[in-house]
Amino acid sequence: MNAADVAAVRFARPTDRLDDLLRFYEQGLGLQRVDSFEDHAGYSGVMLGLPGEEVHLELTTHAD
């Protein structure tokens, strides 16, 4: 497999400070929300990226 065969890349980062990190990445770095989810097996998260790019940063938090 080479780089042309990869459809998307996602880097995930768990955090207990989701709101702070969203402010940093959205307002500070200008990333845009691509998608989000809530309470999936106790996890909630937001995917961020740049328009037209298939590389995303996923920030997740757990209810516990």
PDB file of N, CA and C in Angstrom:
ATOM      1  N   MET A   1       0.844  -1.177   0.000  1.00  0.00           N
ATOM      2  CA  MET A   1       0.000   0.000   0.000  1.00  0.00           C
ATOM      3  C   MET A   1       0.889   1.240   0.000  1.00  0.00           C
ATOM      4  N   ASN A   2       0.498   2.238  -0.788  1.00  0.00           N
ATOM      5  CA  ASN A   2       1.236   3.496  -0.781  1.00  0.00           C
ATOM      6  C   ASN A   2       0.307   4.630  -0.355  1.00  0.00           C
ATOM      7  N   ALA A   3       0.835   5.822  -0.236  1.00  0.00           N
ATOM      8  CA  ALA A   3       0.060   6.961   0.258  1.00  0.00           C
ATOM      9  C   ALA A   3      -1.174   7.231  -0.591  1.00  0.00           C
ATOM     10  N   ALA A   4      -1.136   6.951  -1.875  1.00  0.00           N
ATOM     11  CA  ALA A   4      -2.279   7.194  -2.743  1.00  0.00           C
ATOM     12  C   ALA A   4      -3.445   6.250  -2.426  1.00  0.00           C
ATOM     13  N   ASP A   5      -3.187   5.133  -1.751  1.00  0.00           N
ATOM     14  CA  ASP A   5      -4.230   4.164  -1.402  1.00  0.00           C
ATOM     15  C   ASP A   5      -4.961   4.520  -0.101  1.00  0.00           C
ATOM     16  N   VAL A   6      -4.492   5.515   0.619  1.00  0.00           N
ATOM     17  CA  VAL A   6      -5.094   5.885   1.893  1.00  0.00           C
ATOM     18  C   VAL A   6      -6.210   6.894   1.644  1.00  0.00           C
ATOM     19  N   ALA A   7      -7.432   6.573   2.100  1.00  0.00           N
ATOM     20  CA  ALA A   7      -8.572   7.466   1.891  1.00  0.00           C
ATOM     21  C   ALA A   7      -8.605   8.593   2.918  1.00  0.00           C
ATOM     22  N   ALA A   8      -8.243   8.287   4.156  1.00  0.00           N
ATOM     23  CA  ALA A   8      -8.272   9.287   5.208  1.00  0.00           C
ATOM     24  C   ALA A   8      -7.376   8.844   6.357  1.00  0.00           C
ATOM     25  N   VAL A   9      -6.903   9.830   7.103  1.00  0.00           N
ATOM     26  CA  VAL A   9      -6.079   9.558   8.279  1.00  0.00           C
ATOM     27  C   VAL A   9      -6.703  10.329   9.436  1.00  0.00           C
ATOM     28  N   ARG A  10      -6.838   9.663  10.583  1.00  0.00           N
ATOM     29  CA  ARG A  10      -7.396  10.328  11.758  1.00  0.00           C
ATOM     30  C   ARG A  10      -6.489  10.056  12.951  1.00  0.00           C
ATOM     31  N   PHE A  11      -6.134  11.132  13.634  1.00  0.00           N
ATOM     32  CA  PHE A  11      -5.362  11.040  14.864  1.00  0.00           C
ATOM     33  C   PHE A  11      -6.322  11.324  16.010  1.00  0.00           C
ATOM     34  N   ALA A  12      -6.371  10.460  17.000  1.00  0.00           N
ATOM     35  CA  ALA A  12      -7.290  10.626  18.122  1.00  0.00           C
ATOM     36  C   ALA A  12      -6.525  10.980  19.387  1.00  0.00           C
ATOM     37  N   ARG A  13      -7.122  11.888  20.165  1.00  0.00           N
ATOM     38  CA  ARG A  13      -6.506  12.306  21.420  1.00  0.00           C
ATOM     39  C   ARG A  13      -7.570  12.352  22.517  1.00  0.00           C
ATOM     40  N   PRO A  14      -7.424  11.533  23.547  1.00  0.00           N
ATOM     41  CA  PRO A  14      -8.368  11.603  24.666  1.00  0.00           C
ATOM     42  C   PRO A  14      -8.054  12.815  25.548  1.00  0.00           C
ATOM     43  N   THR A  15      -9.083  13.390  26.152  1.00  0.00           N
ATOM     44  CA  THR A  15      -8.875  14.553  27.007  1.00  0.00           C
ATOM     45  C   THR A  15     -10.007  14.674  28.023  1.00  0.00           C
ATOM     46  N   ASP A  16      -9.731  15.314  29.127  1.00  0.00           N
ATOM     47  CA  ASP A  16     -10.791  15.665  30.062  1.00  0.00           C
ATOM     48  C   ASP A  16     -11.031  17.176  30.025  1.00  0.00           C
ATOM     49  N   ARG A  17     -10.453  17.844  29.017  1.00  0.00           N
ATOM     50  CA  ARG A  17     -10.609  19.296  28.828  1.00  0.00           C
ATOM     51  C   ARG A  17     -11.062  19.597  27.397  1.00  0.00           C
ATOM     52  N   LEU A  18     -12.116  18.929  26.968  1.00  0.00           N
ATOM     53  CA  LEU A  18     -12.566  19.034  25.579  1.00  0.00           C
ATOM     54  C   LEU A  18     -12.869  20.475  25.168  1.00  0.00           C
ATOM     55  N   ASP A  19     -13.594  21.211  25.985  1.00  0.00           N
ATOM     56  CA  ASP A  19     -13.949  22.587  25.622  1.00  0.00           C
ATOM     57  C   ASP A  19     -12.714  23.468  25.425  1.00  0.00           C
ATOM     58  N   ASP A  20     -11.722  23.321  26.292  1.00  0.00           N
ATOM     59  CA  ASP A  20     -10.485  24.106  26.163  1.00  0.00           C
ATOM     60  C   ASP A  20      -9.757  23.768  24.864  1.00  0.00           C
ATOM     61  N   LEU A  21      -9.673  22.475  24.565  1.00  0.00           N
ATOM     62  CA  LEU A  21      -8.978  22.063  23.352  1.00  0.00           C
ATOM     63  C   LEU A  21      -9.723  22.491  22.095  1.00  0.00           C
ATOM     64  N   LEU A  22     -11.044  22.434  22.120  1.00  0.00           N
ATOM     65  CA  LEU A  22     -11.814  22.891  20.966  1.00  0.00           C
ATOM     66  C   LEU A  22     -11.568  24.370  20.707  1.00  0.00           C
ATOM     67  N   ARG A  23     -11.542  25.174  21.756  1.00  0.00           N
ATOM     68  CA  ARG A  23     -11.237  26.600  21.604  1.00  0.00           C
ATOM     69  C   ARG A  23      -9.855  26.796  20.962  1.00  0.00           C
ATOM     70  N   PHE A  24      -8.878  26.052  21.444  1.00  0.00           N
ATOM     71  CA  PHE A  24      -7.515  26.174  20.921  1.00  0.00           C
ATOM     72  C   PHE A  24      -7.445  25.801  19.438  1.00  0.00           C
ATOM     73  N   TYR A  25      -7.973  24.632  19.086  1.00  0.00           N
ATOM     74  CA  TYR A  25      -7.851  24.154  17.712  1.00  0.00           C
ATOM     75  C   TYR A  25      -8.762  24.900  16.740  1.00  0.00           C
ATOM     76  N   GLU A  26      -9.962  25.289  17.188  1.00  0.00           N
ATOM     77  CA  GLU A  26     -10.875  25.998  16.284  1.00  0.00           C
ATOM     78  C   GLU A  26     -10.533  27.485  16.188  1.00  0.00           C
ATOM     79  N   GLN A  27     -10.464  28.158  17.320  1.00  0.00           N
ATOM     80  CA  GLN A  27     -10.230  29.598  17.308  1.00  0.00           C
ATOM     81  C   GLN A  27      -8.755  29.947  17.139  1.00  0.00           C
ATOM     82  N   GLY A  28      -7.900  29.176  17.795  1.00  0.00           N
ATOM     83  CA  GLY A  28      -6.474  29.467  17.735  1.00  0.00           C
ATOM     84  C   GLY A  28      -5.810  29.036  16.439  1.00  0.00           C
ATOM     85  N   LEU A  29      -6.105  27.801  15.983  1.00  0.00           N
ATOM     86  CA  LEU A  29      -5.446  27.272  14.790  1.00  0.00           C
ATOM     87  C   LEU A  29      -6.316  27.297  13.538  1.00  0.00           C
ATOM     88  N   GLY A  30      -7.604  27.556  13.703  1.00  0.00           N
ATOM     89  CA  GLY A  30      -8.482  27.673  12.543  1.00  0.00           C
ATOM     90  C   GLY A  30      -8.981  26.361  11.953  1.00  0.00           C
ATOM     91  N   LEU A  31      -8.871  25.250  12.711  1.00  0.00           N
ATOM     92  CA  LEU A  31      -9.426  23.995  12.211  1.00  0.00           C
ATOM     93  C   LEU A  31     -10.949  24.058  12.272  1.00  0.00           C
ATOM     94  N   GLN A  32     -11.610  23.309  11.396  1.00  0.00           N
ATOM     95  CA  GLN A  32     -13.069  23.302  11.341  1.00  0.00           C
ATOM     96  C   GLN A  32     -13.616  21.960  11.804  1.00  0.00           C
ATOM     97  N   ARG A  33     -14.819  21.997  12.398  1.00  0.00           N
ATOM     98  CA  ARG A  33     -15.481  20.751  12.809  1.00  0.00           C
ATOM     99  C   ARG A  33     -15.918  19.979  11.572  1.00  0.00           C
ATOM    100  N   VAL A  34     -15.503  18.728  11.515  1.00  0.00           N
ATOM    101  CA  VAL A  34     -15.863  17.849  10.420  1.00  0.00           C
ATOM    102  C   VAL A  34     -17.065  17.000  10.826  1.00  0.00           C
ATOM    103  N   ASP A  35     -17.073  16.553  12.071  1.00  0.00           N
ATOM    104  CA  ASP A  35     -18.140  15.697  12.573  1.00  0.00           C
ATOM    105  C   ASP A  35     -18.036  15.653  14.090  1.00  0.00           C
ATOM    106  N   SER A  36     -19.057  15.086  14.731  1.00  0.00           N
ATOM    107  CA  SER A  36     -19.017  14.910  16.180  1.00  0.00           C
ATOM    108  C   SER A  36     -19.950  13.766  16.559  1.00  0.00           C
ATOM    109  N   PHE A  37     -19.795  13.287  17.782  1.00  0.00           N
ATOM    110  CA  PHE A  37     -20.659  12.229  18.288  1.00  0.00           C
ATOM    111  C   PHE A  37     -20.786  12.392  19.794  1.00  0.00           C
ATOM    112  N   GLU A  38     -21.902  11.880  20.347  1.00  0.00           N
ATOM    113  CA  GLU A  38     -22.140  11.976  21.783  1.00  0.00           C
ATOM    114  C   GLU A  38     -22.573  10.637  22.349  1.00  0.00           C
ATOM    115  N   ASP A  39     -22.029  10.313  23.492  1.00  0.00           N
ATOM    116  CA  ASP A  39     -22.384   9.131  24.276  1.00  0.00           C
ATOM    117  C   ASP A  39     -22.412   7.840  23.459  1.00  0.00           C
ATOM    118  N   HIS A  40     -21.331   7.580  22.773  1.00  0.00           N
ATOM    119  CA  HIS A  40     -21.151   6.301  22.076  1.00  0.00           C
ATOM    120  C   HIS A  40     -20.331   5.416  23.012  1.00  0.00           C
ATOM    121  N   ALA A  41     -21.014   4.511  23.715  1.00  0.00           N
ATOM    122  CA  ALA A  41     -20.373   3.654  24.720  1.00  0.00           C
ATOM    123  C   ALA A  41     -19.661   4.492  25.780  1.00  0.00           C
ATOM    124  N   GLY A  42     -20.263   5.655  26.132  1.00  0.00           N
ATOM    125  CA  GLY A  42     -19.687   6.525  27.145  1.00  0.00           C
ATOM    126  C   GLY A  42     -18.734   7.573  26.614  1.00  0.00           C
ATOM    127  N   TYR A  43     -18.390   7.508  25.332  1.00  0.00           N
ATOM    128  CA  TYR A  43     -17.459   8.455  24.723  1.00  0.00           C
ATOM    129  C   TYR A  43     -18.202   9.509  23.915  1.00  0.00           C
ATOM    130  N   SER A  44     -17.691  10.721  23.950  1.00  0.00           N
ATOM    131  CA  SER A  44     -18.152  11.802  23.097  1.00  0.00           C
ATOM    132  C   SER A  44     -16.924  12.406  22.447  1.00  0.00           C
ATOM    133  N   GLY A  45     -17.095  12.980  21.265  1.00  0.00           N
ATOM    134  CA  GLY A  45     -15.926  13.547  20.611  1.00  0.00           C
ATOM    135  C   GLY A  45     -16.254  14.431  19.430  1.00  0.00           C
ATOM    136  N   VAL A  46     -15.219  15.089  18.944  1.00  0.00           N
ATOM    137  CA  VAL A  46     -15.316  16.004  17.819  1.00  0.00           C
ATOM    138  C   VAL A  46     -14.141  15.739  16.890  1.00  0.00           C
ATOM    139  N   MET A  47     -14.415  15.692  15.574  1.00  0.00           N
ATOM    140  CA  MET A  47     -13.365  15.570  14.574  1.00  0.00           C
ATOM    141  C   MET A  47     -13.131  16.938  13.944  1.00  0.00           C
ATOM    142  N   LEU A  48     -11.874  17.331  13.858  1.00  0.00           N
ATOM    143  CA  LEU A  48     -11.489  18.625  13.303  1.00  0.00           C
ATOM    144  C   LEU A  48     -10.574  18.420  12.110  1.00  0.00           C
ATOM    145  N   GLY A  49     -10.622  19.348  11.171  1.00  0.00           N
ATOM    146  CA  GLY A  49      -9.743  19.254  10.019  1.00  0.00           C
ATOM    147  C   GLY A  49      -9.730  20.538   9.217  1.00  0.00           C
ATOM    148  N   LEU A  50      -9.046  20.501   8.095  1.00  0.00           N
ATOM    149  CA  LEU A  50      -8.996  21.618   7.157  1.00  0.00           C
ATOM    150  C   LEU A  50      -9.882  21.298   5.964  1.00  0.00           C
ATOM    151  N   PRO A  51     -10.529  22.287   5.372  1.00  0.00           N
ATOM    152  CA  PRO A  51     -11.394  22.038   4.219  1.00  0.00           C
ATOM    153  C   PRO A  51     -10.654  21.308   3.101  1.00  0.00           C
ATOM    154  N   GLY A  52     -11.286  20.257   2.586  1.00  0.00           N
ATOM    155  CA  GLY A  52     -10.713  19.523   1.464  1.00  0.00           C
ATOM    156  C   GLY A  52      -9.635  18.529   1.823  1.00  0.00           C
ATOM    157  N   GLU A  53      -9.247  18.464   3.069  1.00  0.00           N
ATOM    158  CA  GLU A  53      -8.196  17.541   3.493  1.00  0.00           C
ATOM    159  C   GLU A  53      -8.813  16.332   4.172  1.00  0.00           C
ATOM    160  N   GLU A  54      -8.186  15.194   4.018  1.00  0.00           N
ATOM    161  CA  GLU A  54      -8.681  13.958   4.626  1.00  0.00           C
ATOM    162  C   GLU A  54      -7.809  13.518   5.801  1.00  0.00           C
ATOM    163  N   VAL A  55      -7.255  14.499   6.498  1.00  0.00           N
ATOM    164  CA  VAL A  55      -6.513  14.240   7.732  1.00  0.00           C
ATOM    165  C   VAL A  55      -7.278  14.943   8.840  1.00  0.00           C
ATOM    166  N   HIS A  56      -7.700  14.192   9.845  1.00  0.00           N
ATOM    167  CA  HIS A  56      -8.526  14.743  10.910  1.00  0.00           C
ATOM    168  C   HIS A  56      -7.892  14.508  12.277  1.00  0.00           C
ATOM    169  N   LEU A  57      -8.176  15.417  13.168  1.00  0.00           N
ATOM    170  CA  LEU A  57      -7.827  15.278  14.575  1.00  0.00           C
ATOM    171  C   LEU A  57      -9.123  14.984  15.314  1.00  0.00           C
ATOM    172  N   GLU A  58      -9.158  13.891  16.043  1.00  0.00           N
ATOM    173  CA  GLU A  58     -10.347  13.523  16.817  1.00  0.00           C
ATOM    174  C   GLU A  58     -10.041  13.725  18.292  1.00  0.00           C
ATOM    175  N   LEU A  59     -10.829  14.556  18.945  1.00  0.00           N
ATOM    176  CA  LEU A  59     -10.698  14.784  20.370  1.00  0.00           C
ATOM    177  C   LEU A  59     -11.845  14.059  21.056  1.00  0.00           C
ATOM    178  N   THR A  60     -11.538  13.196  22.009  1.00  0.00           N
ATOM    179  CA  THR A  60     -12.573  12.413  22.681  1.00  0.00           C
ATOM    180  C   THR A  60     -12.507  12.599  24.191  1.00  0.00           C
ATOM    181  N   THR A  61     -13.647  12.399  24.814  1.00  0.00           N
ATOM    182  CA  THR A  61     -13.736  12.432  26.260  1.00  0.00           C
ATOM    183  C   THR A  61     -14.661  11.302  26.692  1.00  0.00           C
ATOM    184  N   HIS A  62     -14.478  10.840  27.915  1.00  0.00           N
ATOM    185  CA  HIS A  62     -15.288   9.724  28.420  1.00  0.00           C
ATOM    186  C   HIS A  62     -16.107  10.212  29.612  1.00  0.00           C
ATOM    187  N   ALA A  63     -17.295   9.693  29.747  1.00  0.00           N
ATOM    188  CA  ALA A  63     -18.198  10.096  30.831  1.00  0.00           C
ATOM    189  C   ALA A  63     -17.563   9.891  32.207  1.00  0.00           C
ATOM    190  N   ASP A  64     -16.733   8.900  32.363  1.00  0.00           N
ATOM    191  CA  ASP A  64     -16.083   8.644  33.650  1.00  0.00           C
ATOM    192  C   ASP A  64     -14.826   9.454  33.788  1.00  0.00           C
TER     193      ASP A  64
END
